[in-house]
Amino acid sequence: MNKCISISFLGIALMLFSFFLLTNLKAAKKESPLLLVLDNDTLPEVNNQIIAFVDAHLHHKVGYGECWDLAAIPLNNSNAKWDKRYVFGKLLQPDTDSIFPGDIIQFEGVVITTRKENYKATAYLEHHTAIIYKVWGNKKYTLAQQNTSDLGRKVGFGEIDLSHLDRGRYMIYRPSK
């Protein structure tokens, strides 16, 4: 058999799998152009350190247990630049910038109402700081947080869909050195 034109079964399978991934990635980008799937090796350095800090402190109280402590302590530990108040790095524009795990979100006067069939849930985030732990899509995140009615003063996770924002504002920051 001619070696130049022979293709192994494994080679064909890899080519088909690559085609499948590229096709589905293009379709996903059409639906949500800002959704990026990143692993910890491709996150910005400080974001990676913040996610590692959350993982190491899950179900434990960080600092005094205030929501703000969960952002402030890993920022200080990584020597990140921030104002030591509520500006946690570079302000991002969620409608145009990619949002990464390890970015920090600050809520001010936020009310979110979610409706499903006969169920209605309202979340109030008057003044709250959290870490974006996972990005599921445009304005859909898993947050790492503490000092909430569900979690108490220990670090845990909560889901949020900001497309249901009724009132208030939120800012997302990219920490950096």
C-alpha atoms as a PDB file:
ATOM      1  CA  MET A   1       0.000   0.000   0.000  1.00  0.00           C
ATOM      2  CA  ASN A   2       1.248   3.491  -0.830  1.00  0.00           C
ATOM      3  CA  LYS A   3       2.445   5.164   2.372  1.00  0.00           C
ATOM      4  CA  CYS A   4       1.741   8.655   1.030  1.00  0.00           C
ATOM      5  CA  ILE A   5      -2.015   8.152   0.704  1.00  0.00           C
ATOM      6  CA  SER A   6      -2.707   5.800   3.603  1.00  0.00           C
ATOM      7  CA  ILE A   7      -4.534   7.377   6.537  1.00  0.00           C
ATOM      8  CA  SER A   8      -5.009   5.480   9.742  1.00  0.00           C
ATOM      9  CA  PHE A   9      -8.366   5.020  11.382  1.00  0.00           C
ATOM     10  CA  LEU A  10      -7.094   7.099  14.321  1.00  0.00           C
ATOM     11  CA  GLY A  11      -6.144   9.933  11.962  1.00  0.00           C
ATOM     12  CA  ILE A  12      -9.612   9.967  10.428  1.00  0.00           C
ATOM     13  CA  ALA A  13     -11.225   9.904  13.862  1.00  0.00           C
ATOM     14  CA  LEU A  14      -9.073  12.839  15.018  1.00  0.00           C
ATOM     15  CA  MET A  15      -9.920  14.838  11.896  1.00  0.00           C
ATOM     16  CA  LEU A  16     -13.665  14.215  12.364  1.00  0.00           C
ATOM     17  CA  PHE A  17     -13.487  15.112  16.061  1.00  0.00           C
ATOM     18  CA  SER A  18     -11.598  18.337  15.253  1.00  0.00           C
ATOM     19  CA  PHE A  19     -14.193  19.238  12.619  1.00  0.00           C
ATOM     20  CA  PHE A  20     -16.990  18.552  15.153  1.00  0.00           C
ATOM     21  CA  LEU A  21     -15.340  20.806  17.757  1.00  0.00           C
ATOM     22  CA  LEU A  22     -14.746  23.647  15.318  1.00  0.00           C
ATOM     23  CA  THR A  23     -18.293  23.467  13.956  1.00  0.00           C
ATOM     24  CA  ASN A  24     -19.827  23.534  17.443  1.00  0.00           C
ATOM     25  CA  LEU A  25     -17.475  26.305  18.591  1.00  0.00           C
ATOM     26  CA  LYS A  26     -18.552  28.473  15.649  1.00  0.00           C
ATOM     27  CA  ALA A  27     -22.223  27.825  16.479  1.00  0.00           C
ATOM     28  CA  ALA A  28     -21.634  28.669  20.155  1.00  0.00           C
ATOM     29  CA  LYS A  29     -19.902  31.930  19.212  1.00  0.00           C
ATOM     30  CA  LYS A  30     -22.911  32.957  17.117  1.00  0.00           C
ATOM     31  CA  GLU A  31     -25.189  32.483  20.143  1.00  0.00           C
ATOM     32  CA  SER A  32     -22.844  34.050  22.706  1.00  0.00           C
ATOM     33  CA  PRO A  33     -19.857  35.870  21.198  1.00  0.00           C
ATOM     34  CA  LEU A  34     -18.409  36.724  24.625  1.00  0.00           C
ATOM     35  CA  LEU A  35     -18.343  33.191  25.998  1.00  0.00           C
ATOM     36  CA  LEU A  36     -14.786  31.935  26.294  1.00  0.00           C
ATOM     37  CA  VAL A  37     -13.872  28.604  27.776  1.00  0.00           C
ATOM     38  CA  LEU A  38     -10.616  28.927  29.658  1.00  0.00           C
ATOM     39  CA  ASP A  39      -8.739  26.517  31.822  1.00  0.00           C
ATOM     40  CA  ASN A  40      -6.595  27.651  34.732  1.00  0.00           C
ATOM     41  CA  ASP A  41      -3.474  27.659  32.548  1.00  0.00           C
ATOM     42  CA  THR A  42      -4.890  30.388  30.302  1.00  0.00           C
ATOM     43  CA  LEU A  43      -6.377  32.708  32.944  1.00  0.00           C
ATOM     44  CA  PRO A  44      -4.549  35.931  33.813  1.00  0.00           C
ATOM     45  CA  GLU A  45      -2.114  35.317  36.679  1.00  0.00           C
ATOM     46  CA  VAL A  46      -4.036  37.183  39.389  1.00  0.00           C
ATOM     47  CA  ASN A  47      -7.358  35.611  38.329  1.00  0.00           C
ATOM     48  CA  ASN A  48      -5.756  32.192  38.660  1.00  0.00           C
ATOM     49  CA  GLN A  49      -4.485  33.062  42.150  1.00  0.00           C
ATOM     50  CA  ILE A  50      -7.945  34.264  43.202  1.00  0.00           C
ATOM     51  CA  ILE A  51      -9.612  31.046  41.988  1.00  0.00           C
ATOM     52  CA  ALA A  52      -6.968  28.976  43.832  1.00  0.00           C
ATOM     53  CA  PHE A  53      -7.664  31.028  46.989  1.00  0.00           C
ATOM     54  CA  VAL A  54     -11.410  30.339  46.710  1.00  0.00           C
ATOM     55  CA  ASP A  55     -10.764  26.617  46.218  1.00  0.00           C
ATOM     56  CA  ALA A  56      -8.518  26.528  49.299  1.00  0.00           C
ATOM     57  CA  HIS A  57     -11.089  28.328  51.491  1.00  0.00           C
ATOM     58  CA  LEU A  58     -14.353  26.736  50.381  1.00  0.00           C
ATOM     59  CA  HIS A  59     -16.739  26.264  53.369  1.00  0.00           C
ATOM     60  CA  HIS A  60     -14.473  28.355  55.622  1.00  0.00           C
ATOM     61  CA  LYS A  61     -14.743  31.925  56.831  1.00  0.00           C
ATOM     62  CA  VAL A  62     -12.270  34.306  55.183  1.00  0.00           C
ATOM     63  CA  GLY A  63     -11.186  37.298  57.270  1.00  0.00           C
ATOM     64  CA  TYR A  64     -14.105  38.612  59.324  1.00  0.00           C
ATOM     65  CA  GLY A  65     -16.574  36.815  57.074  1.00  0.00           C
ATOM     66  CA  GLU A  66     -17.608  39.954  55.212  1.00  0.00           C
ATOM     67  CA  CYS A  67     -18.279  39.562  51.478  1.00  0.00           C
ATOM     68  CA  TRP A  68     -15.561  42.130  50.776  1.00  0.00           C
ATOM     69  CA  ASP A  69     -12.918  40.043  52.605  1.00  0.00           C
ATOM     70  CA  LEU A  70     -13.174  37.266  50.014  1.00  0.00           C
ATOM     71  CA  ALA A  71     -11.948  39.680  47.334  1.00  0.00           C
ATOM     72  CA  ALA A  72      -9.611  41.854  49.417  1.00  0.00           C
ATOM     73  CA  ILE A  73      -7.458  39.128  50.961  1.00  0.00           C
ATOM     74  CA  PRO A  74      -6.441  37.288  47.745  1.00  0.00           C
ATOM     75  CA  LEU A  75      -5.889  40.643  46.002  1.00  0.00           C
ATOM     76  CA  ASN A  76      -3.523  41.694  48.790  1.00  0.00           C
ATOM     77  CA  ASN A  77      -1.843  38.264  48.851  1.00  0.00           C
ATOM     78  CA  SER A  78      -1.110  38.518  45.106  1.00  0.00           C
ATOM     79  CA  ASN A  79       0.081  42.163  45.328  1.00  0.00           C
ATOM     80  CA  ALA A  80      -2.639  43.237  42.911  1.00  0.00           C
ATOM     81  CA  LYS A  81      -3.323  46.895  42.165  1.00  0.00           C
ATOM     82  CA  TRP A  82      -6.598  48.115  43.626  1.00  0.00           C
ATOM     83  CA  ASP A  83      -7.893  51.085  45.606  1.00  0.00           C
ATOM     84  CA  LYS A  84      -8.403  49.110  48.890  1.00  0.00           C
ATOM     85  CA  ARG A  85     -12.099  50.041  48.741  1.00  0.00           C
ATOM     86  CA  TYR A  86     -14.426  48.883  45.977  1.00  0.00           C
ATOM     87  CA  VAL A  87     -12.450  49.323  42.756  1.00  0.00           C
ATOM     88  CA  PHE A  88     -10.835  45.902  42.375  1.00  0.00           C
ATOM     89  CA  GLY A  89      -8.824  46.500  39.197  1.00  0.00           C
ATOM     90  CA  LYS A  90      -9.653  47.484  35.627  1.00  0.00           C
ATOM     91  CA  LEU A  91     -13.364  48.179  35.092  1.00  0.00           C
ATOM     92  CA  LEU A  92     -14.748  45.885  32.379  1.00  0.00           C
ATOM     93  CA  GLN A  93     -17.668  46.433  30.027  1.00  0.00           C
ATOM     94  CA  PRO A  94     -19.651  43.158  30.263  1.00  0.00           C
ATOM     95  CA  ASP A  95     -21.374  43.786  26.923  1.00  0.00           C
ATOM     96  CA  THR A  96     -18.066  44.000  25.013  1.00  0.00           C
ATOM     97  CA  ASP A  97     -15.275  42.566  27.223  1.00  0.00           C
ATOM     98  CA  SER A  98     -14.775  38.880  27.947  1.00  0.00           C
ATOM     99  CA  ILE A  99     -15.431  37.981  31.569  1.00  0.00           C
ATOM    100  CA  PHE A 100     -13.122  35.441  33.212  1.00  0.00           C
ATOM    101  CA  PRO A 101     -13.206  33.334  36.351  1.00  0.00           C
ATOM    102  CA  GLY A 102     -11.393  35.327  39.021  1.00  0.00           C
ATOM    103  CA  ASP A 103     -12.897  38.668  37.946  1.00  0.00           C
ATOM    104  CA  ILE A 104     -14.572  40.508  40.806  1.00  0.00           C
ATOM    105  CA  ILE A 105     -18.129  41.802  40.734  1.00  0.00           C
ATOM    106  CA  GLN A 106     -19.521  44.607  42.885  1.00  0.00           C
ATOM    107  CA  PHE A 107     -23.290  45.008  43.238  1.00  0.00           C
ATOM    108  CA  GLU A 108     -25.020  48.245  44.230  1.00  0.00           C
ATOM    109  CA  GLY A 109     -28.783  48.318  44.797  1.00  0.00           C
ATOM    110  CA  VAL A 110     -29.372  45.286  42.581  1.00  0.00           C
ATOM    111  CA  VAL A 111     -32.732  43.523  42.392  1.00  0.00           C
ATOM    112  CA  ILE A 112     -33.040  40.414  40.206  1.00  0.00           C
ATOM    113  CA  THR A 113     -36.357  38.655  39.640  1.00  0.00           C
ATOM    114  CA  THR A 114     -36.477  35.172  38.143  1.00  0.00           C
ATOM    115  CA  ARG A 115     -39.744  33.597  37.022  1.00  0.00           C
ATOM    116  CA  LYS A 116     -40.425  29.957  36.118  1.00  0.00           C
ATOM    117  CA  GLU A 117     -43.981  28.737  35.595  1.00  0.00           C
ATOM    118  CA  ASN A 118     -45.723  29.506  38.940  1.00  0.00           C
ATOM    119  CA  TYR A 119     -42.482  30.303  40.768  1.00  0.00           C
ATOM    120  CA  LYS A 120     -40.977  33.753  41.331  1.00  0.00           C
ATOM    121  CA  ALA A 121     -37.723  34.448  43.169  1.00  0.00           C
ATOM    122  CA  THR A 122     -36.299  37.864  43.951  1.00  0.00           C
ATOM    123  CA  ALA A 123     -32.693  38.456  44.988  1.00  0.00           C
ATOM    124  CA  TYR A 124     -31.581  41.689  46.650  1.00  0.00           C
ATOM    125  CA  LEU A 125     -27.913  42.661  46.475  1.00  0.00           C
ATOM    126  CA  GLU A 126     -27.860  46.081  48.099  1.00  0.00           C
ATOM    127  CA  HIS A 127     -24.070  46.300  48.530  1.00  0.00           C
ATOM    128  CA  HIS A 128     -22.290  43.022  47.843  1.00  0.00           C
ATOM    129  CA  THR A 129     -18.912  41.839  46.554  1.00  0.00           C
ATOM    130  CA  ALA A 130     -18.336  38.429  44.940  1.00  0.00           C
ATOM    131  CA  ILE A 131     -15.852  36.592  42.742  1.00  0.00           C
ATOM    132  CA  ILE A 132     -16.884  35.211  39.373  1.00  0.00           C
ATOM    133  CA  TYR A 133     -15.993  31.537  39.697  1.00  0.00           C
ATOM    134  CA  LYS A 134     -17.441  30.196  36.427  1.00  0.00           C
ATOM    135  CA  VAL A 135     -18.774  31.846  33.300  1.00  0.00           C
ATOM    136  CA  TRP A 136     -21.750  29.986  31.796  1.00  0.00           C
ATOM    137  CA  GLY A 137     -22.747  32.501  29.165  1.00  0.00           C
ATOM    138  CA  ASN A 138     -23.500  36.144  28.654  1.00  0.00           C
ATOM    139  CA  LYS A 139     -24.382  37.524  32.141  1.00  0.00           C
ATOM    140  CA  LYS A 140     -24.671  34.004  33.623  1.00  0.00           C
ATOM    141  CA  TYR A 141     -22.160  33.159  36.333  1.00  0.00           C
ATOM    142  CA  THR A 142     -21.380  30.986  39.302  1.00  0.00           C
ATOM    143  CA  LEU A 143     -20.264  33.325  42.076  1.00  0.00           C
ATOM    144  CA  ALA A 144     -17.936  32.525  44.948  1.00  0.00           C
ATOM    145  CA  GLN A 145     -19.124  34.578  47.899  1.00  0.00           C
ATOM    146  CA  GLN A 146     -19.638  34.773  51.637  1.00  0.00           C
ATOM    147  CA  ASN A 147     -21.871  36.701  54.039  1.00  0.00           C
ATOM    148  CA  THR A 148     -25.148  35.794  52.329  1.00  0.00           C
ATOM    149  CA  SER A 149     -28.441  34.583  53.783  1.00  0.00           C
ATOM    150  CA  ASP A 150     -27.868  31.128  52.241  1.00  0.00           C
ATOM    151  CA  LEU A 151     -24.174  30.668  53.064  1.00  0.00           C
ATOM    152  CA  GLY A 152     -23.690  32.655  56.233  1.00  0.00           C
ATOM    153  CA  ARG A 153     -20.125  33.874  56.706  1.00  0.00           C
ATOM    154  CA  LYS A 154     -18.502  30.906  54.954  1.00  0.00           C
ATOM    155  CA  VAL A 155     -17.325  30.712  51.348  1.00  0.00           C
ATOM    156  CA  GLY A 156     -19.710  28.985  48.980  1.00  0.00           C
ATOM    157  CA  PHE A 157     -21.232  29.241  45.531  1.00  0.00           C
ATOM    158  CA  GLY A 158     -24.358  30.763  44.050  1.00  0.00           C
ATOM    159  CA  GLU A 159     -25.729  31.059  40.533  1.00  0.00           C
ATOM    160  CA  ILE A 160     -26.730  34.393  39.037  1.00  0.00           C
ATOM    161  CA  ASP A 161     -28.305  35.444  35.751  1.00  0.00           C
ATOM    162  CA  LEU A 162     -27.917  39.185  35.335  1.00  0.00           C
ATOM    163  CA  SER A 163     -30.153  39.220  32.276  1.00  0.00           C
ATOM    164  CA  HIS A 164     -33.028  39.347  34.813  1.00  0.00           C
ATOM    165  CA  LEU A 165     -31.751  42.563  36.417  1.00  0.00           C
ATOM    166  CA  ASP A 166     -34.718  44.720  37.506  1.00  0.00           C
ATOM    167  CA  ARG A 167     -32.823  47.592  39.075  1.00  0.00           C
ATOM    168  CA  GLY A 168     -29.432  48.638  40.387  1.00  0.00           C
ATOM    169  CA  ARG A 169     -26.005  48.359  38.863  1.00  0.00           C
ATOM    170  CA  TYR A 170     -23.032  46.067  38.949  1.00  0.00           C
ATOM    171  CA  MET A 171     -19.394  46.550  38.040  1.00  0.00           C
ATOM    172  CA  ILE A 172     -16.996  43.782  37.007  1.00  0.00           C
ATOM    173  CA  TYR A 173     -13.276  44.278  37.544  1.00  0.00           C
ATOM    174  CA  ARG A 174     -10.226  42.491  36.155  1.00  0.00           C
ATOM    175  CA  PRO A 175      -7.538  42.347  38.834  1.00  0.00           C
ATOM    176  CA  SER A 176      -3.918  42.894  37.797  1.00  0.00           C
ATOM    177  CA  LYS A 177      -0.482  43.580  39.224  1.00  0.00           C
END
